[in-house]
Amino acid sequence: MAITGVVILVEPNKAEEILYEVSHLDDVTTYGLHKENNIVAVIEGENSKNLENKINQIKDKIDGILGIFPAYANYEEEIDE
């Protein structure tokens, strides 16, 4: 399993709405808003490629997301294989 902690930069006037949408996605855990337009979240995937696809889908699916920026990533199971 791959896991990444991210900051999702959003348009401030849509932050609450986007937080709600993101918090209801599978394999995403949110930790609230920081400084009005940053959503702190953890995203999980089967592997690093799956994780990358999920991040791109979130960015493309939800209007008002300006960027998704990883703060850390863990996919050491992939490396061990």
N, C-alpha and C. Protein backbone atom coordinates (compact mmCIF):
# COMPACT_ATOMS: atom_id res chain seq x y z
N MET A 1 0.84 -1.18 0.00
CA MET A 1 0.00 0.00 0.00
C MET A 1 0.89 1.24 0.00
N ALA A 2 0.48 2.22 -0.75
CA ALA A 2 1.17 3.51 -0.80
C ALA A 2 0.31 4.54 -0.08
N ILE A 3 0.98 5.42 0.64
CA ILE A 3 0.29 6.47 1.40
C ILE A 3 1.03 7.78 1.18
N THR A 4 0.26 8.86 1.02
CA THR A 4 0.88 10.17 0.91
C THR A 4 0.08 11.19 1.71
N GLY A 5 0.79 12.05 2.40
CA GLY A 5 0.18 13.18 3.08
C GLY A 5 0.28 14.37 2.13
N VAL A 6 -0.82 15.07 1.96
CA VAL A 6 -0.86 16.16 0.99
C VAL A 6 -1.48 17.42 1.58
N VAL A 7 -1.17 18.52 0.95
CA VAL A 7 -1.88 19.77 1.16
C VAL A 7 -2.59 20.07 -0.15
N ILE A 8 -3.89 20.26 -0.07
CA ILE A 8 -4.69 20.57 -1.24
C ILE A 8 -5.00 22.06 -1.21
N LEU A 9 -4.40 22.79 -2.13
CA LEU A 9 -4.61 24.23 -2.22
C LEU A 9 -5.89 24.48 -3.01
N VAL A 10 -6.82 25.23 -2.41
CA VAL A 10 -8.13 25.46 -3.03
C VAL A 10 -8.46 26.95 -3.06
N GLU A 11 -9.43 27.28 -3.89
CA GLU A 11 -9.94 28.64 -3.92
C GLU A 11 -10.62 28.91 -2.57
N PRO A 12 -10.26 29.99 -1.88
CA PRO A 12 -10.79 30.23 -0.53
C PRO A 12 -12.32 30.28 -0.46
N ASN A 13 -12.96 30.83 -1.47
CA ASN A 13 -14.42 30.93 -1.43
C ASN A 13 -15.12 29.59 -1.64
N LYS A 14 -14.38 28.54 -2.00
CA LYS A 14 -14.95 27.21 -2.19
C LYS A 14 -14.40 26.20 -1.20
N ALA A 15 -13.62 26.65 -0.24
CA ALA A 15 -12.87 25.75 0.64
C ALA A 15 -13.77 24.77 1.41
N GLU A 16 -14.82 25.24 2.03
CA GLU A 16 -15.70 24.37 2.82
C GLU A 16 -16.37 23.33 1.94
N GLU A 17 -16.84 23.76 0.78
CA GLU A 17 -17.50 22.84 -0.17
C GLU A 17 -16.52 21.77 -0.65
N ILE A 18 -15.31 22.18 -0.98
CA ILE A 18 -14.30 21.23 -1.46
C ILE A 18 -13.88 20.29 -0.34
N LEU A 19 -13.72 20.80 0.87
CA LEU A 19 -13.39 19.95 2.02
C LEU A 19 -14.45 18.86 2.18
N TYR A 20 -15.70 19.23 2.07
CA TYR A 20 -16.79 18.26 2.18
C TYR A 20 -16.67 17.19 1.10
N GLU A 21 -16.46 17.62 -0.14
CA GLU A 21 -16.35 16.66 -1.25
C GLU A 21 -15.17 15.72 -1.07
N VAL A 22 -14.02 16.27 -0.74
CA VAL A 22 -12.81 15.47 -0.59
C VAL A 22 -12.95 14.50 0.58
N SER A 23 -13.59 14.94 1.65
CA SER A 23 -13.71 14.09 2.84
C SER A 23 -14.61 12.88 2.60
N HIS A 24 -15.40 12.90 1.55
CA HIS A 24 -16.29 11.79 1.24
C HIS A 24 -15.74 10.86 0.15
N LEU A 25 -14.51 11.07 -0.28
CA LEU A 25 -13.90 10.20 -1.27
C LEU A 25 -13.31 8.97 -0.60
N ASP A 26 -13.36 7.84 -1.31
CA ASP A 26 -12.74 6.62 -0.80
C ASP A 26 -11.24 6.81 -0.70
N ASP A 27 -10.64 6.21 0.30
CA ASP A 27 -9.19 6.20 0.50
C ASP A 27 -8.59 7.58 0.78
N VAL A 28 -9.43 8.53 1.23
CA VAL A 28 -8.95 9.86 1.59
C VAL A 28 -9.41 10.18 3.01
N THR A 29 -8.47 10.60 3.84
CA THR A 29 -8.79 11.06 5.19
C THR A 29 -8.39 12.53 5.27
N THR A 30 -9.32 13.38 5.67
CA THR A 30 -9.02 14.80 5.77
C THR A 30 -8.84 15.21 7.22
N TYR A 31 -8.06 16.27 7.40
CA TYR A 31 -7.77 16.79 8.74
C TYR A 31 -8.10 18.27 8.84
N GLY A 32 -9.05 18.73 8.02
CA GLY A 32 -9.54 20.08 8.13
C GLY A 32 -8.82 21.08 7.26
N LEU A 33 -9.21 22.34 7.47
CA LEU A 33 -8.66 23.47 6.72
C LEU A 33 -7.55 24.14 7.52
N HIS A 34 -6.55 24.60 6.80
CA HIS A 34 -5.46 25.36 7.41
C HIS A 34 -5.33 26.66 6.64
N LYS A 35 -5.35 27.77 7.34
CA LYS A 35 -5.21 29.10 6.73
C LYS A 35 -6.20 29.33 5.59
N GLU A 36 -7.43 28.91 5.77
CA GLU A 36 -8.57 29.21 4.91
C GLU A 36 -8.58 28.55 3.55
N ASN A 37 -7.44 28.12 3.01
CA ASN A 37 -7.50 27.55 1.66
C ASN A 37 -6.56 26.36 1.47
N ASN A 38 -6.17 25.71 2.55
CA ASN A 38 -5.33 24.52 2.48
C ASN A 38 -6.02 23.38 3.20
N ILE A 39 -6.32 22.32 2.48
CA ILE A 39 -6.91 21.13 3.08
C ILE A 39 -5.77 20.15 3.35
N VAL A 40 -5.69 19.67 4.57
CA VAL A 40 -4.68 18.69 4.94
C VAL A 40 -5.34 17.32 4.83
N ALA A 41 -4.68 16.39 4.10
CA ALA A 41 -5.28 15.08 3.86
C ALA A 41 -4.22 14.00 3.71
N VAL A 42 -4.67 12.76 3.89
CA VAL A 42 -3.86 11.58 3.60
C VAL A 42 -4.62 10.77 2.56
N ILE A 43 -3.90 10.35 1.53
CA ILE A 43 -4.50 9.57 0.45
C ILE A 43 -3.78 8.22 0.38
N GLU A 44 -4.56 7.15 0.25
CA GLU A 44 -4.01 5.80 0.18
C GLU A 44 -4.29 5.18 -1.18
N GLY A 45 -3.35 4.35 -1.62
CA GLY A 45 -3.53 3.63 -2.88
C GLY A 45 -2.84 2.29 -2.84
N GLU A 46 -3.12 1.46 -3.83
CA GLU A 46 -2.54 0.12 -3.88
C GLU A 46 -1.03 0.17 -4.11
N ASN A 47 -0.60 1.13 -4.91
CA ASN A 47 0.82 1.31 -5.21
C ASN A 47 1.04 2.76 -5.62
N SER A 48 2.26 3.13 -5.93
CA SER A 48 2.56 4.54 -6.22
C SER A 48 1.85 5.03 -7.48
N LYS A 49 1.72 4.18 -8.49
CA LYS A 49 1.04 4.59 -9.73
C LYS A 49 -0.45 4.81 -9.47
N ASN A 50 -1.06 3.91 -8.69
CA ASN A 50 -2.46 4.05 -8.34
C ASN A 50 -2.69 5.32 -7.54
N LEU A 51 -1.76 5.62 -6.64
CA LEU A 51 -1.84 6.84 -5.84
C LEU A 51 -1.75 8.08 -6.72
N GLU A 52 -0.83 8.07 -7.65
CA GLU A 52 -0.69 9.18 -8.59
C GLU A 52 -1.97 9.38 -9.39
N ASN A 53 -2.58 8.29 -9.85
CA ASN A 53 -3.83 8.37 -10.60
C ASN A 53 -4.95 8.96 -9.75
N LYS A 54 -5.04 8.55 -8.49
CA LYS A 54 -6.07 9.08 -7.59
C LYS A 54 -5.91 10.58 -7.40
N ILE A 55 -4.68 11.02 -7.20
CA ILE A 55 -4.42 12.45 -7.02
C ILE A 55 -4.85 13.23 -8.25
N ASN A 56 -4.51 12.74 -9.43
CA ASN A 56 -4.91 13.41 -10.67
C ASN A 56 -6.42 13.41 -10.85
N GLN A 57 -7.09 12.32 -10.50
CA GLN A 57 -8.54 12.26 -10.60
C GLN A 57 -9.21 13.27 -9.67
N ILE A 58 -8.71 13.37 -8.45
CA ILE A 58 -9.27 14.33 -7.50
C ILE A 58 -9.12 15.75 -8.05
N LYS A 59 -7.93 16.06 -8.54
CA LYS A 59 -7.67 17.40 -9.06
C LYS A 59 -8.56 17.71 -10.26
N ASP A 60 -8.77 16.73 -11.12
CA ASP A 60 -9.58 16.95 -12.32
C ASP A 60 -11.08 16.95 -12.03
N LYS A 61 -11.50 16.21 -11.01
CA LYS A 61 -12.92 16.02 -10.71
C LYS A 61 -13.54 17.19 -9.95
N ILE A 62 -12.78 17.80 -9.07
CA ILE A 62 -13.36 18.80 -8.17
C ILE A 62 -12.92 20.20 -8.58
N ASP A 63 -13.90 21.00 -8.95
CA ASP A 63 -13.65 22.38 -9.37
C ASP A 63 -13.21 23.21 -8.17
N GLY A 64 -12.20 24.02 -8.37
CA GLY A 64 -11.72 24.91 -7.31
C GLY A 64 -10.43 24.45 -6.67
N ILE A 65 -9.96 23.25 -7.04
CA ILE A 65 -8.66 22.79 -6.53
C ILE A 65 -7.58 23.42 -7.40
N LEU A 66 -6.66 24.12 -6.77
CA LEU A 66 -5.58 24.79 -7.50
C LEU A 66 -4.34 23.91 -7.61
N GLY A 67 -4.18 22.97 -6.69
CA GLY A 67 -3.04 22.06 -6.72
C GLY A 67 -3.07 21.11 -5.55
N ILE A 68 -2.41 19.97 -5.73
CA ILE A 68 -2.28 18.99 -4.67
C ILE A 68 -0.79 18.75 -4.48
N PHE A 69 -0.31 19.05 -3.29
CA PHE A 69 1.12 19.05 -3.03
C PHE A 69 1.48 18.02 -1.95
N PRO A 70 2.20 16.96 -2.32
CA PRO A 70 2.60 15.95 -1.34
C PRO A 70 3.58 16.52 -0.31
N ALA A 71 3.36 16.18 0.94
CA ALA A 71 4.27 16.56 2.01
C ALA A 71 5.16 15.37 2.37
N TYR A 72 4.61 14.16 2.25
CA TYR A 72 5.40 12.94 2.45
C TYR A 72 4.74 11.81 1.69
N ALA A 73 5.50 10.78 1.40
CA ALA A 73 4.96 9.59 0.73
C ALA A 73 5.65 8.36 1.30
N ASN A 74 4.90 7.28 1.42
CA ASN A 74 5.44 6.02 1.90
C ASN A 74 4.95 4.91 0.98
N TYR A 75 5.86 4.28 0.31
CA TYR A 75 5.54 3.15 -0.56
C TYR A 75 6.64 2.09 -0.46
N GLU A 76 7.15 1.91 0.75
CA GLU A 76 8.29 1.02 0.93
C GLU A 76 7.96 -0.44 0.63
N GLU A 77 6.69 -0.85 0.76
CA GLU A 77 6.32 -2.21 0.38
C GLU A 77 6.64 -2.47 -1.09
N GLU A 78 6.45 -1.46 -1.92
CA GLU A 78 6.76 -1.56 -3.35
C GLU A 78 8.25 -1.78 -3.56
N ILE A 79 9.04 -1.07 -2.80
CA ILE A 79 10.49 -1.18 -2.92
C ILE A 79 10.97 -2.55 -2.46
N ASP A 80 10.35 -3.07 -1.39
CA ASP A 80 10.74 -4.37 -0.87
C ASP A 80 10.46 -5.50 -1.85
N GLU A 81 9.46 -5.31 -2.70
CA GLU A 81 9.12 -6.35 -3.68
C GLU A 81 10.12 -6.32 -4.77
